[in-house]
N, C-alpha and C. Protein backbone atom coordinates (compact mmCIF):
# COMPACT_ATOMS: atom_id res chain seq x y z
N MET A 1 0.47 -0.84 0.01
CA MET A 1 0.24 -0.30 -0.11
C MET A 1 0.82 1.49 0.19
N VAL A 2 0.49 1.91 -1.47
CA VAL A 2 1.59 3.49 -0.98
C VAL A 2 0.99 4.40 -0.37
N GLU A 3 1.25 4.73 0.35
CA GLU A 3 0.64 6.01 1.15
C GLU A 3 0.48 7.31 0.42
N ASN A 4 -0.34 8.73 0.18
CA ASN A 4 0.14 9.89 -0.28
C ASN A 4 0.48 10.71 -0.32
N LEU A 5 1.89 10.71 -0.87
CA LEU A 5 3.26 11.25 -0.53
C LEU A 5 3.35 12.13 -0.70
N ASP A 6 2.51 12.73 -1.67
CA ASP A 6 2.66 13.49 -3.12
C ASP A 6 3.18 14.98 -2.52
N VAL A 7 2.56 15.60 -0.88
CA VAL A 7 2.34 16.36 -0.42
C VAL A 7 4.24 16.70 0.03
N LEU A 8 4.67 15.51 -0.38
CA LEU A 8 6.97 15.58 0.08
C LEU A 8 7.06 16.11 -1.48
N LEU A 9 6.28 15.50 -2.15
CA LEU A 9 7.00 15.92 -3.81
C LEU A 9 6.47 17.35 -3.29
N SER A 10 4.99 18.48 -3.60
CA SER A 10 5.58 19.37 -3.28
C SER A 10 6.19 20.29 -1.97
N VAL A 11 6.56 19.81 -1.37
CA VAL A 11 7.95 20.24 -0.72
C VAL A 11 9.23 20.43 -0.79
N ALA A 12 9.47 19.14 -1.95
CA ALA A 12 11.03 19.22 -2.83
C ALA A 12 10.81 19.94 -3.40
N GLU A 13 10.03 20.08 -4.37
CA GLU A 13 10.04 21.28 -5.91
C GLU A 13 9.86 22.62 -5.32
N ILE A 14 9.08 22.99 -4.15
CA ILE A 14 9.55 24.17 -3.84
C ILE A 14 10.93 24.73 -2.64
N SER A 15 11.33 23.55 -1.93
CA SER A 15 12.54 23.87 -1.73
C SER A 15 14.02 24.23 -2.47
N VAL A 16 13.44 23.79 -3.82
CA VAL A 16 14.66 23.42 -4.11
C VAL A 16 14.26 25.00 -5.38
N ALA A 17 12.74 25.71 -5.63
CA ALA A 17 12.57 26.88 -6.00
C ALA A 17 13.10 27.93 -4.81
N PHE A 18 13.15 27.36 -3.71
CA PHE A 18 14.38 28.35 -2.74
C PHE A 18 15.72 28.34 -2.48
N ALA A 19 15.78 27.19 -2.82
CA ALA A 19 17.55 27.32 -3.40
C ALA A 19 18.40 28.01 -4.96
N GLY A 20 17.66 27.67 -5.74
CA GLY A 20 17.63 28.21 -7.32
C GLY A 20 17.71 30.14 -6.65
N PHE A 21 16.39 30.49 -6.04
CA PHE A 21 16.00 31.94 -5.46
C PHE A 21 17.87 32.73 -4.54
N ALA A 22 17.91 31.42 -4.07
CA ALA A 22 19.39 31.85 -2.76
C ALA A 22 20.93 31.89 -4.71
N GLY A 23 20.93 31.83 -5.31
CA GLY A 23 21.46 31.90 -6.14
C GLY A 23 21.61 33.55 -6.79
N ILE A 24 20.21 33.57 -6.53
CA ILE A 24 19.48 35.47 -7.62
C ILE A 24 19.73 36.26 -6.71
N ILE A 25 19.67 35.68 -4.89
CA ILE A 25 19.94 36.93 -4.09
C ILE A 25 21.41 36.92 -3.93
N THR A 26 22.03 35.84 -4.28
CA THR A 26 23.97 36.55 -3.33
C THR A 26 24.21 36.99 -5.29
N ALA A 27 24.06 36.50 -6.17
CA ALA A 27 23.81 37.71 -7.67
C ALA A 27 24.00 38.85 -7.37
N VAL A 28 22.74 39.38 -6.81
CA VAL A 28 22.13 40.74 -6.76
C VAL A 28 22.54 41.26 -5.44
N ALA A 29 22.25 40.39 -4.34
CA ALA A 29 23.19 41.05 -2.92
C ALA A 29 24.59 41.77 -2.99
N GLY A 30 25.39 40.57 -3.67
CA GLY A 30 26.61 40.71 -3.95
C GLY A 30 27.64 41.87 -4.34
N ARG A 31 26.74 42.74 -5.21
CA ARG A 31 27.85 43.50 -6.46
C ARG A 31 28.02 44.69 -5.53
N SER A 32 26.94 45.23 -4.73
CA SER A 32 27.12 46.35 -4.10
C SER A 32 28.60 46.40 -3.56
N ASP A 33 29.34 45.87 -2.59
CA ASP A 33 30.36 46.19 -1.40
C ASP A 33 31.11 45.53 -1.71
N GLY A 34 30.90 43.56 -2.29
CA GLY A 34 32.17 42.87 -2.88
C GLY A 34 31.63 42.10 -1.27
N GLY A 35 30.93 41.81 -0.59
CA GLY A 35 30.84 41.56 0.52
C GLY A 35 30.25 41.10 1.33
N TRP A 36 29.21 40.29 1.76
CA TRP A 36 28.26 40.16 3.42
C TRP A 36 28.63 40.28 4.19
N ASP A 37 27.88 41.34 5.22
CA ASP A 37 28.17 40.77 6.43
C ASP A 37 27.23 39.47 7.14
N PRO A 38 27.80 39.65 8.13
CA PRO A 38 28.21 37.83 8.69
C PRO A 38 26.45 37.34 8.95
N GLY A 39 25.44 38.75 9.21
CA GLY A 39 24.38 38.27 9.71
C GLY A 39 23.56 37.44 8.05
N ASN A 40 23.77 38.23 7.40
CA ASN A 40 23.16 37.68 6.14
C ASN A 40 23.86 36.59 5.39
N LEU A 41 25.56 36.42 5.92
CA LEU A 41 25.99 34.85 5.76
C LEU A 41 25.33 34.41 6.28
N THR A 42 24.73 34.06 7.40
CA THR A 42 23.94 32.77 7.92
C THR A 42 22.98 32.98 7.59
N ARG A 43 22.47 33.70 7.54
CA ARG A 43 21.59 33.02 6.89
C ARG A 43 20.99 32.66 4.38
N PHE A 44 21.82 33.69 4.84
CA PHE A 44 22.23 32.98 3.60
C PHE A 44 22.29 30.85 3.56
N ARG A 45 23.04 30.45 4.35
CA ARG A 45 23.64 29.55 4.84
C ARG A 45 22.36 28.53 5.72
N LEU A 46 21.80 29.43 6.73
CA LEU A 46 19.78 28.30 7.05
C LEU A 46 19.50 28.23 5.90
N MET A 47 19.14 29.42 4.57
CA MET A 47 18.40 28.90 3.48
C MET A 47 18.74 28.12 2.54
N ILE A 48 20.13 27.99 2.12
CA ILE A 48 20.12 27.00 1.62
C ILE A 48 20.52 25.35 2.08
N THR A 49 20.70 25.29 3.14
CA THR A 49 20.66 24.11 4.26
C THR A 49 19.73 23.77 3.98
N SER A 50 19.20 24.37 4.69
CA SER A 50 17.46 24.25 5.38
C SER A 50 16.57 23.42 3.58
N SER A 51 16.73 24.27 2.69
CA SER A 51 16.16 24.64 1.44
C SER A 51 16.39 22.89 0.83
N LEU A 52 18.11 22.59 0.41
CA LEU A 52 18.74 21.67 0.46
C LEU A 52 18.11 20.19 1.44
N SER A 53 18.56 20.49 2.18
CA SER A 53 18.04 19.08 3.69
C SER A 53 16.24 18.63 3.38
N ALA A 54 15.32 19.98 3.16
CA ALA A 54 14.28 19.89 2.83
C ALA A 54 13.62 18.54 1.57
N THR A 55 14.90 19.31 0.90
CA THR A 55 14.52 18.03 -0.25
C THR A 55 14.71 16.83 -0.48
N VAL A 56 16.17 17.15 0.59
CA VAL A 56 16.70 15.11 0.08
C VAL A 56 15.29 14.59 0.98
N MET A 57 15.47 15.30 1.82
CA MET A 57 14.08 14.17 3.39
C MET A 57 12.26 14.16 2.59
N SER A 58 12.23 15.04 1.69
CA SER A 58 11.16 15.17 1.59
C SER A 58 11.11 13.71 0.60
N LEU A 59 12.14 13.76 -0.10
CA LEU A 59 12.63 12.59 -1.05
C LEU A 59 12.86 11.21 -1.05
N MET A 60 13.15 11.26 0.61
CA MET A 60 14.11 10.12 0.98
C MET A 60 12.77 8.19 1.26
N PRO A 61 11.85 9.36 1.91
CA PRO A 61 10.30 7.81 1.63
C PRO A 61 11.13 7.21 -0.02
N TYR A 62 10.79 7.29 -0.73
CA TYR A 62 10.81 6.54 -2.13
C TYR A 62 11.38 6.26 -2.07
N VAL A 63 12.91 6.33 -1.56
CA VAL A 63 13.74 5.04 -1.27
C VAL A 63 13.32 4.00 -0.65
N PHE A 64 12.19 3.73 -0.41
CA PHE A 64 11.84 2.64 0.55
C PHE A 64 11.26 2.01 0.04
N LEU A 65 10.70 3.04 -1.44
CA LEU A 65 9.64 2.12 -1.62
C LEU A 65 10.33 1.98 -3.07
N LEU A 66 11.53 1.92 -3.40
CA LEU A 66 12.04 1.33 -4.42
C LEU A 66 12.46 -0.65 -4.44
N ASN A 67 12.33 -0.85 -2.98
CA ASN A 67 12.33 -2.38 -2.88
C ASN A 67 10.92 -3.46 -2.39
N SER A 68 10.54 -2.03 -2.77
CA SER A 68 8.69 -2.63 -1.19
C SER A 68 8.04 -1.49 -1.74
N ASP A 69 6.33 -1.62 -1.82
CA ASP A 69 5.99 -1.70 -1.74
C ASP A 69 4.70 -0.62 -0.82
N GLN A 70 6.31 -0.37 0.29
CA GLN A 70 5.30 0.19 1.89
C GLN A 70 6.67 1.00 2.16
N VAL A 71 6.24 2.17 2.48
CA VAL A 71 7.44 3.15 3.45
C VAL A 71 7.76 2.91 5.12
N ASN A 72 8.66 2.42 5.12
CA ASN A 72 9.27 2.06 6.49
C ASN A 72 9.66 3.28 7.35
N TRP A 73 8.21 3.62 7.63
CA TRP A 73 8.32 4.79 8.60
C TRP A 73 9.05 4.91 9.99
N ASN A 74 9.31 3.78 10.73
CA ASN A 74 10.08 3.81 11.98
C ASN A 74 11.64 4.07 11.05
N TRP A 75 12.31 3.80 10.34
CA TRP A 75 13.63 4.39 9.53
C TRP A 75 13.60 5.91 8.99
N SER A 76 12.19 5.83 8.01
CA SER A 76 12.36 7.34 7.74
C SER A 76 12.10 8.58 9.00
N VAL A 77 11.49 7.64 9.69
CA VAL A 77 11.37 9.43 11.49
C VAL A 77 12.81 9.42 12.64
N GLY A 78 13.38 7.58 11.80
CA GLY A 78 14.72 7.81 12.80
C GLY A 78 16.08 8.96 11.87
N ILE A 79 15.77 8.39 10.80
CA ILE A 79 17.30 8.97 9.93
C ILE A 79 16.64 10.58 9.84
N LEU A 80 15.52 10.48 9.82
CA LEU A 80 15.01 12.51 9.49
C LEU A 80 14.89 12.88 11.32
N GLY A 81 15.37 11.88 12.37
CA GLY A 81 15.34 12.47 13.77
C GLY A 81 16.72 13.16 13.96
N VAL A 82 17.52 12.29 14.06
CA VAL A 82 18.95 12.27 13.81
C VAL A 82 19.26 13.21 12.92
N PHE A 83 19.13 13.33 11.61
CA PHE A 83 19.87 14.49 11.13
C PHE A 83 19.32 15.70 11.47
N MET A 84 17.90 16.04 11.84
CA MET A 84 17.58 17.16 12.85
C MET A 84 17.96 17.97 13.96
N LEU A 85 18.32 16.65 14.62
CA LEU A 85 19.01 16.52 16.01
C LEU A 85 20.70 17.26 15.92
N PHE A 86 21.15 16.95 14.80
CA PHE A 86 23.36 17.28 14.62
C PHE A 86 22.34 18.53 13.66
N SER A 87 21.53 18.80 12.77
CA SER A 87 21.37 20.45 12.76
C SER A 87 21.19 21.35 13.17
N SER A 88 20.17 21.01 14.30
CA SER A 88 19.60 21.81 15.42
C SER A 88 20.76 22.02 15.79
N THR A 89 21.39 21.57 16.57
CA THR A 89 22.29 21.69 17.17
C THR A 89 23.64 22.63 16.18
N ILE A 90 23.91 22.19 15.59
CA ILE A 90 24.85 23.33 14.55
C ILE A 90 24.56 24.53 14.60
N TRP A 91 23.20 24.91 13.97
CA TRP A 91 22.15 26.22 13.83
C TRP A 91 21.85 26.70 15.16
N ILE A 92 22.13 26.19 16.04
CA ILE A 92 22.16 27.29 17.25
C ILE A 92 22.49 27.64 18.01
N ARG A 93 24.05 26.34 17.00
CA ARG A 93 25.74 26.66 18.09
C ARG A 93 25.20 28.39 17.10
N SER A 94 25.49 27.99 16.15
CA SER A 94 25.92 29.87 15.02
C SER A 94 24.75 30.53 15.48
N PHE A 95 23.43 30.79 15.73
CA PHE A 95 22.57 31.92 16.08
C PHE A 95 23.41 32.35 17.25
N VAL A 96 23.98 31.58 17.58
CA VAL A 96 24.44 32.25 19.74
C VAL A 96 25.97 32.42 18.89
N LEU A 97 26.50 31.93 18.43
CA LEU A 97 28.32 32.54 17.54
C LEU A 97 27.57 34.51 17.19
N GLY A 98 26.59 34.10 17.03
CA GLY A 98 26.42 35.65 15.80
C GLY A 98 24.92 36.08 16.15
N ARG A 99 24.48 36.53 17.64
CA ARG A 99 23.26 37.06 18.03
C ARG A 99 23.10 38.36 17.70
N LYS A 100 25.06 38.95 17.93
CA LYS A 100 25.01 40.63 17.60
C LYS A 100 24.51 40.74 16.17
N ASN A 101 24.54 39.97 15.03
CA ASN A 101 24.13 40.09 13.75
C ASN A 101 22.23 40.03 13.52
N LEU A 102 22.88 39.10 13.98
CA LEU A 102 21.43 38.52 14.19
C LEU A 102 19.76 38.88 15.08
N ASN A 103 18.78 38.96 14.28
CA ASN A 103 17.22 39.74 15.00
C ASN A 103 16.91 38.30 16.01
N ASN A 104 17.63 38.42 17.49
CA ASN A 104 17.30 37.05 18.52
C ASN A 104 15.86 37.07 18.92
N TYR A 105 14.93 37.30 18.71
CA TYR A 105 13.29 36.97 18.42
C TYR A 105 13.40 36.14 17.39
N VAL A 106 13.70 36.46 16.28
CA VAL A 106 13.82 34.92 14.79
C VAL A 106 14.74 34.22 15.51
N SER A 107 15.77 34.77 15.33
CA SER A 107 16.46 33.06 15.62
C SER A 107 16.53 32.16 16.67
N SER A 108 15.21 32.44 17.59
CA SER A 108 14.82 31.48 18.83
C SER A 108 13.63 31.10 18.99
N GLY A 109 12.42 32.17 17.47
CA GLY A 109 11.51 31.13 17.24
C GLY A 109 12.40 29.73 15.74
N ILE A 110 13.10 30.53 15.29
CA ILE A 110 13.73 29.53 14.44
C ILE A 110 14.13 27.71 15.25
N SER A 111 14.77 28.21 16.47
CA SER A 111 15.56 27.48 17.12
C SER A 111 14.70 26.45 17.69
N LEU A 112 13.09 27.04 18.09
CA LEU A 112 12.14 26.28 18.94
C LEU A 112 11.31 25.77 18.17
N MET A 113 11.25 25.94 16.75
CA MET A 113 10.56 25.67 16.23
C MET A 113 11.37 23.77 15.63
N ALA A 114 12.91 24.08 15.84
CA ALA A 114 13.67 22.98 14.93
C ALA A 114 14.17 21.87 16.12
N VAL A 115 14.05 22.73 17.18
CA VAL A 115 14.17 22.09 18.98
C VAL A 115 13.03 20.58 18.92
N SER A 116 11.59 21.74 18.92
CA SER A 116 9.88 20.79 18.89
C SER A 116 10.10 19.54 17.43
N ALA A 117 10.46 19.72 16.85
CA ALA A 117 9.87 18.90 15.34
C ALA A 117 10.66 17.88 15.62
N THR A 118 11.84 18.19 16.10
CA THR A 118 13.02 16.90 16.78
C THR A 118 12.94 16.49 17.60
N LEU A 119 12.64 17.22 18.43
CA LEU A 119 11.47 15.81 20.15
C LEU A 119 10.48 14.81 19.75
N ALA A 120 9.37 15.92 18.64
CA ALA A 120 8.75 14.95 18.12
C ALA A 120 8.82 13.63 17.25
N GLN A 121 9.93 14.14 16.34
CA GLN A 121 10.71 12.39 15.81
C GLN A 121 11.21 11.34 16.55
N LEU A 122 11.97 12.05 17.65
CA LEU A 122 12.64 11.13 18.58
C LEU A 122 11.39 10.75 19.51
N VAL A 123 10.24 11.25 20.32
CA VAL A 123 9.30 10.62 20.36
C VAL A 123 8.42 9.87 19.72
N ALA A 124 8.42 10.10 18.45
CA ALA A 124 7.61 8.52 17.31
C ALA A 124 9.00 7.36 17.52
N LEU A 125 10.13 7.42 17.64
CA LEU A 125 10.92 6.25 18.10
C LEU A 125 10.23 4.83 19.15
N THR A 126 9.77 5.93 20.14
CA THR A 126 10.00 5.58 21.51
C THR A 126 8.44 4.79 20.96
N ASP A 127 7.71 4.83 19.99
CA ASP A 127 6.42 4.54 20.21
C ASP A 127 4.96 5.28 21.40
N PHE A 128 5.76 6.41 21.63
CA PHE A 128 4.77 6.70 22.13
C PHE A 128 3.17 7.35 21.06
N VAL A 129 4.67 7.78 19.74
CA VAL A 129 3.14 8.54 19.43
C VAL A 129 3.60 7.55 17.97
N VAL A 130 2.84 7.46 16.65
CA VAL A 130 3.08 6.75 15.74
C VAL A 130 3.61 7.59 14.79
N ALA A 131 4.72 6.52 14.24
CA ALA A 131 5.78 7.45 13.00
C ALA A 131 5.58 6.78 12.32
N ASP A 132 4.51 7.60 11.60
CA ASP A 132 3.87 7.90 10.21
C ASP A 132 3.51 9.30 8.73
N LEU A 133 2.71 8.93 8.20
CA LEU A 133 3.90 10.09 7.43
C LEU A 133 3.05 11.72 7.98
N GLY A 134 2.66 11.57 8.88
CA GLY A 134 1.97 13.21 9.75
C GLY A 134 3.34 13.61 9.79
N ILE A 135 3.97 12.62 11.52
CA ILE A 135 5.08 13.15 12.52
C ILE A 135 6.06 13.14 11.28
N TYR A 136 6.58 12.76 10.03
CA TYR A 136 7.40 12.80 8.98
C TYR A 136 7.28 13.73 8.36
N PHE A 137 5.99 14.71 8.14
CA PHE A 137 5.63 15.32 7.17
C PHE A 137 6.37 16.64 8.38
N LEU A 138 5.77 16.89 9.65
CA LEU A 138 6.04 17.73 10.87
C LEU A 138 7.77 17.85 10.47
N GLY A 139 8.45 17.68 10.58
CA GLY A 139 9.93 17.63 10.10
C GLY A 139 10.45 17.99 8.99
N VAL A 140 9.80 17.60 7.71
CA VAL A 140 10.27 18.24 6.44
C VAL A 140 9.10 19.96 6.46
N PHE A 141 8.18 19.99 7.18
CA PHE A 141 7.55 21.54 6.94
C PHE A 141 8.71 21.89 8.18
N CYS A 142 8.97 21.72 9.36
CA CYS A 142 9.83 22.27 9.81
C CYS A 142 10.74 23.40 8.81
N LEU A 143 11.99 21.76 8.65
CA LEU A 143 12.85 22.68 7.64
C LEU A 143 12.06 23.33 6.18
N PHE A 144 11.14 23.31 5.68
CA PHE A 144 10.87 24.14 5.00
C PHE A 144 10.66 25.69 5.49
N ILE A 145 9.74 25.04 7.17
CA ILE A 145 9.51 27.23 7.10
C ILE A 145 10.84 27.80 7.43
N GLN A 146 12.44 27.09 8.01
CA GLN A 146 13.35 27.52 8.49
C GLN A 146 13.62 28.34 7.28
N SER A 147 13.51 27.82 6.30
CA SER A 147 14.12 27.42 4.96
C SER A 147 13.00 29.28 4.17
N CYS A 148 12.02 29.10 4.32
CA CYS A 148 11.29 30.49 3.80
C CYS A 148 11.21 31.77 4.54
N ILE A 149 11.78 31.13 6.09
CA ILE A 149 12.21 32.43 7.66
C ILE A 149 13.19 32.75 6.70
N ALA A 150 14.27 31.80 6.27
CA ALA A 150 15.88 32.51 6.36
C ALA A 150 15.82 33.84 4.83
N PHE A 151 15.03 32.91 3.57
CA PHE A 151 14.99 33.48 2.83
C PHE A 151 14.53 34.72 2.33
N PHE A 152 13.53 34.90 3.35
CA PHE A 152 12.17 36.56 3.60
C PHE A 152 13.33 37.41 4.52
N ARG A 153 14.44 36.76 5.60
CA ARG A 153 14.79 37.53 6.20
C ARG A 153 16.14 38.73 5.21
N LEU A 154 16.66 37.42 4.77
CA LEU A 154 17.89 37.80 3.92
C LEU A 154 17.41 38.69 3.07
N VAL A 155 16.03 38.13 1.88
CA VAL A 155 15.62 39.45 1.09
C VAL A 155 15.26 40.39 2.17
N THR A 156 14.93 40.48 3.08
CA THR A 156 14.28 41.92 3.65
C THR A 156 15.88 42.79 4.09
N GLU A 157 17.15 42.11 4.25
CA GLU A 157 18.01 42.68 5.02
C GLU A 157 19.24 42.95 3.89
N ALA A 158 18.89 41.84 2.81
CA ALA A 158 20.58 42.06 2.01
C ALA A 158 19.57 43.01 0.69
N ILE A 159 18.68 42.32 0.26
CA ILE A 159 18.03 43.73 -1.12
C ILE A 159 17.61 45.04 -0.66
N LEU A 160 17.01 44.39 0.16
CA LEU A 160 15.57 45.93 0.81
C LEU A 160 16.17 47.17 1.40
N ARG A 161 17.28 46.80 2.38
CA ARG A 161 18.17 47.55 3.21
C ARG A 161 19.41 47.34 3.25
N PRO A 162 20.00 47.49 1.74
CA PRO A 162 21.37 47.01 1.30
C PRO A 162 22.64 48.33 2.01
N GLY A 163 22.33 49.37 2.61
CA GLY A 163 23.09 50.34 3.51
C GLY A 163 22.98 50.11 4.86
N SER A 164 22.40 49.15 5.51
CA SER A 164 21.84 48.70 6.89
C SER A 164 22.79 48.58 7.61
N SER A 165 23.87 47.29 6.48
CA SER A 165 24.92 46.85 6.94
C SER A 165 26.16 47.55 7.26
N ASP A 166 25.85 48.56 7.20
CA ASP A 166 27.32 49.86 7.42
C ASP A 166 27.52 50.07 8.93
């Protein structure tokens, strides 16, 4: 039985579009002064890694469909949970190190969302919550929302206010 995985394909397509827009933003915003301030660089990295992570993780359940007619949600949720644990740790560390150049409310919100989605993935592995498409989508959607927030903040800070970093 193949579950309705179309929502994951949609997230993957939109995430790839965000990664493509990152290239455009790099070309436009990097022209004026030749460099980026640390805050915009952190936003750019978050946008690229979140977009690519959401794309890869959206397509991962399809790997299980290559040899089977069902997705092994325990493995999928486990892989996503471990990935999110490491990536959340790295991002929270970079937010703390770059707190002078970032909006702390946004960084705290992204961190809280990432930790919540990571905990949901890890709790699903304990069979307290059923590991299924819903829990998996929560983690992928968190990566997607991180990408959206980073995109919005990067556009507003790098393009709309290019003189504010001086």
